[in-house]
Amino acid sequence: MLETVRGNKGAQKTLGLVFGIIFGVFLQKAGVTRYEVIIGQLLLVDFTVLKVMLSAVVVGMLGVHLMHGRGLVNLHVRGGSFGATVVGGLIFGAGFALLGYCPGTVAGAVGQGAMDALIGGVTGLMFGSWVFAVLYPRLVPFLSRGAFSRMTLQEVLHLGTWQTIAPVALLIVALLLGLEWLGY
């Protein structure tokens, strides 16, 4: 079955759409598509966004590595650069600060009928993407500055995959439990 999906672009797009909708439903159910929750995270008074993101990291990390171990997926670690990280962070941060949504929560908020997300968010995403595409040729020299390699945490620590994943997962779960215990 997996080989059929790998060779079928239509099936890949359909699965992407279905899982995207499921992800949006989970974001909405967790409350992170609400402006007040996102602003609460930025003001460090509501840690719902952090808890959802850390939960997603644990589930994704375990899921991807379990599937990789069974040969169901291939891992493709990408390198990066400090220049690209700075530009991406500035663009993301500006949109986040101006509207109070990130791209994922904009989509979820639009799905639940938030007009500010529809007008400001979708327009901002489209306009920001267009500006970046227009400026990209001039940004290339800066984007490639400070390149870093395609190293994983287990390579940096000189440990096996599960010797790295297990303690990281436990650390994140402990942090989540600590946030709950503290009332956040």
Protein backbone atom coordinates (compact mmCIF):
# COMPACT_ATOMS: atom_id res chain seq x y z
CA MET A 1 0.00 0.00 0.00
CA LEU A 2 2.79 2.45 0.90
CA GLU A 3 4.46 1.99 -2.48
CA THR A 4 1.13 2.85 -4.12
CA VAL A 5 0.91 6.09 -2.12
CA ARG A 6 4.55 6.98 -2.80
CA GLY A 7 3.97 6.77 -6.54
CA ASN A 8 0.60 8.54 -6.58
CA LYS A 9 0.75 12.35 -6.28
CA GLY A 10 -3.04 12.59 -6.07
CA ALA A 11 -3.14 10.21 -3.10
CA GLN A 12 -0.34 12.17 -1.44
CA LYS A 13 -2.26 15.43 -1.87
CA THR A 14 -5.46 13.85 -0.57
CA LEU A 15 -3.67 12.44 2.49
CA GLY A 16 -2.03 15.83 3.05
CA LEU A 17 -5.42 17.55 2.93
CA VAL A 18 -7.05 14.99 5.25
CA PHE A 19 -4.24 15.11 7.81
CA GLY A 20 -4.12 18.92 7.54
CA ILE A 21 -7.81 19.11 8.39
CA ILE A 22 -7.32 16.68 11.29
CA PHE A 23 -4.39 18.80 12.54
CA GLY A 24 -6.55 21.94 12.30
CA VAL A 25 -9.34 20.26 14.27
CA PHE A 26 -6.83 19.33 16.99
CA LEU A 27 -5.50 22.91 17.07
CA GLN A 28 -9.05 24.22 17.39
CA LYS A 29 -9.99 21.70 20.10
CA ALA A 30 -6.83 22.59 22.06
CA GLY A 31 -7.82 26.25 21.91
CA VAL A 32 -4.67 27.50 20.19
CA THR A 33 -6.62 29.06 17.33
CA ARG A 34 -8.03 31.65 19.73
CA TYR A 35 -6.32 35.03 19.78
CA GLU A 36 -6.59 35.30 23.58
CA VAL A 37 -4.73 32.01 24.07
CA ILE A 38 -1.90 33.01 21.74
CA ILE A 39 -1.53 36.44 23.35
CA GLY A 40 -1.64 34.73 26.76
CA GLN A 41 1.33 32.59 25.68
CA LEU A 42 3.25 35.65 24.51
CA LEU A 43 2.55 37.34 27.86
CA LEU A 44 3.58 34.13 29.70
CA VAL A 45 0.23 33.79 31.49
CA ASP A 46 -1.29 30.92 29.45
CA PHE A 47 0.97 28.02 28.45
CA THR A 48 -1.58 26.18 26.29
CA VAL A 49 0.40 26.81 23.08
CA LEU A 50 3.65 25.55 24.64
CA LYS A 51 1.91 22.42 25.95
CA VAL A 52 0.35 21.67 22.57
CA MET A 53 3.66 22.20 20.74
CA LEU A 54 5.68 20.10 23.18
CA SER A 55 3.07 17.33 23.00
CA ALA A 56 3.30 17.44 19.20
CA VAL A 57 7.10 17.25 19.38
CA VAL A 58 6.98 14.10 21.53
CA VAL A 59 4.31 12.40 19.40
CA GLY A 60 6.04 13.40 16.14
CA MET A 61 9.51 12.41 17.35
CA LEU A 62 8.37 8.98 18.53
CA GLY A 63 6.11 8.41 15.52
CA VAL A 64 8.65 9.36 12.87
CA HIS A 65 11.42 7.29 14.42
CA LEU A 66 9.15 4.26 14.94
CA MET A 67 8.06 4.47 11.29
CA HIS A 68 11.68 4.95 10.20
CA GLY A 69 12.73 1.88 12.16
CA ARG A 70 10.11 -0.13 10.28
CA GLY A 71 11.20 1.25 6.90
CA LEU A 72 7.97 3.17 6.35
CA VAL A 73 9.59 6.60 6.00
CA ASN A 74 12.97 8.03 5.08
CA LEU A 75 14.57 10.77 7.14
CA HIS A 76 15.97 13.74 5.25
CA VAL A 77 17.77 16.09 7.63
CA ARG A 78 18.36 19.49 6.07
CA GLY A 79 21.13 21.92 6.80
CA GLY A 80 20.46 25.56 7.39
CA SER A 81 22.04 28.91 8.01
CA PHE A 82 21.87 31.63 10.58
CA GLY A 83 20.99 34.13 7.87
CA ALA A 84 17.93 32.16 6.78
CA THR A 85 16.95 31.58 10.40
CA VAL A 86 17.15 35.31 11.18
CA VAL A 87 15.11 36.32 8.10
CA GLY A 88 12.53 33.58 8.72
CA GLY A 89 12.31 34.49 12.40
CA LEU A 90 11.82 38.18 11.62
CA ILE A 91 9.07 37.48 9.07
CA PHE A 92 7.35 34.98 11.38
CA GLY A 93 7.74 37.26 14.40
CA ALA A 94 6.40 40.33 12.59
CA GLY A 95 3.27 38.51 11.48
CA PHE A 96 2.84 36.92 14.89
CA ALA A 97 3.23 40.26 16.69
CA LEU A 98 0.93 42.16 14.33
CA LEU A 99 -1.92 39.66 14.21
CA GLY A 100 -1.38 37.19 17.04
CA TYR A 101 -1.49 34.12 14.81
CA CYS A 102 1.10 31.84 13.25
CA PRO A 103 0.43 30.22 9.84
CA GLY A 104 -1.05 27.05 11.35
CA THR A 105 -3.30 28.84 13.81
CA VAL A 106 -4.42 31.28 11.09
CA ALA A 107 -5.75 28.35 9.06
CA GLY A 108 -7.49 26.89 12.11
CA ALA A 109 -8.95 30.27 13.09
CA VAL A 110 -10.24 30.81 9.54
CA GLY A 111 -11.84 27.36 9.74
CA GLN A 112 -13.75 28.38 12.86
CA GLY A 113 -14.88 31.66 11.30
CA ALA A 114 -12.45 34.27 12.73
CA MET A 115 -12.67 37.23 10.36
CA ASP A 116 -9.45 38.81 11.62
CA ALA A 117 -7.61 35.62 10.67
CA LEU A 118 -9.32 35.50 7.28
CA ILE A 119 -8.73 39.13 6.33
CA GLY A 120 -5.49 39.90 8.13
CA GLY A 121 -3.98 36.43 8.28
CA VAL A 122 -4.64 35.10 4.80
CA THR A 123 -3.88 38.49 3.24
CA GLY A 124 -0.70 38.76 5.32
CA LEU A 125 0.44 35.26 4.35
CA MET A 126 -0.13 35.93 0.66
CA PHE A 127 1.43 39.40 0.75
CA GLY A 128 4.40 38.25 2.84
CA SER A 129 5.02 35.30 0.51
CA TRP A 130 4.90 37.59 -2.51
CA VAL A 131 7.30 40.12 -0.94
CA PHE A 132 9.72 37.34 0.00
CA ALA A 133 9.57 35.89 -3.54
CA VAL A 134 10.25 39.32 -5.07
CA LEU A 135 13.14 40.05 -2.68
CA TYR A 136 14.57 36.52 -2.72
CA PRO A 137 17.24 37.11 -5.39
CA ARG A 138 18.63 40.02 -3.35
CA LEU A 139 18.38 38.07 -0.08
CA VAL A 140 20.30 34.97 -1.25
CA PRO A 141 23.74 36.25 -0.15
CA PHE A 142 22.42 37.02 3.33
CA LEU A 143 20.30 33.86 3.60
CA SER A 144 23.31 31.62 3.05
CA ARG A 145 25.50 33.28 5.71
CA GLY A 146 26.55 31.20 8.69
CA ALA A 147 25.67 27.82 7.20
CA PHE A 148 25.40 24.92 9.60
CA SER A 149 25.54 21.23 8.82
CA ARG A 150 22.85 18.59 8.71
CA MET A 151 23.57 17.16 12.15
CA THR A 152 21.01 15.55 14.38
CA LEU A 153 21.00 15.71 18.17
CA GLN A 154 22.11 12.09 18.40
CA GLU A 155 25.10 12.86 16.16
CA VAL A 156 26.05 15.85 18.30
CA LEU A 157 25.78 13.76 21.48
CA HIS A 158 27.40 10.68 19.87
CA LEU A 159 24.49 8.51 21.00
CA GLY A 160 22.12 6.08 19.32
CA THR A 161 18.72 7.20 18.13
CA TRP A 162 16.72 5.75 21.04
CA GLN A 163 19.43 6.69 23.55
CA THR A 164 18.70 10.27 22.54
CA ILE A 165 14.94 10.10 21.96
CA ALA A 166 14.01 8.42 25.25
CA PRO A 167 15.62 11.03 27.56
CA VAL A 168 14.41 13.93 25.41
CA ALA A 169 10.84 12.55 25.45
CA LEU A 170 11.02 12.00 29.21
CA LEU A 171 12.38 15.53 29.72
CA ILE A 172 9.53 17.03 27.69
CA VAL A 173 6.92 14.94 29.53
CA ALA A 174 8.45 16.04 32.87
CA LEU A 175 8.26 19.66 31.72
CA LEU A 176 4.60 19.20 30.73
CA LEU A 177 3.79 17.60 34.08
CA GLY A 178 5.65 20.41 35.85
CA LEU A 179 3.61 23.04 34.02
CA GLU A 180 0.41 21.26 35.05
CA TRP A 181 1.59 20.92 38.66
CA LEU A 182 2.38 24.66 38.75
CA GLY A 183 -1.09 25.44 37.42
CA TYR A 184 -0.11 26.59 33.97
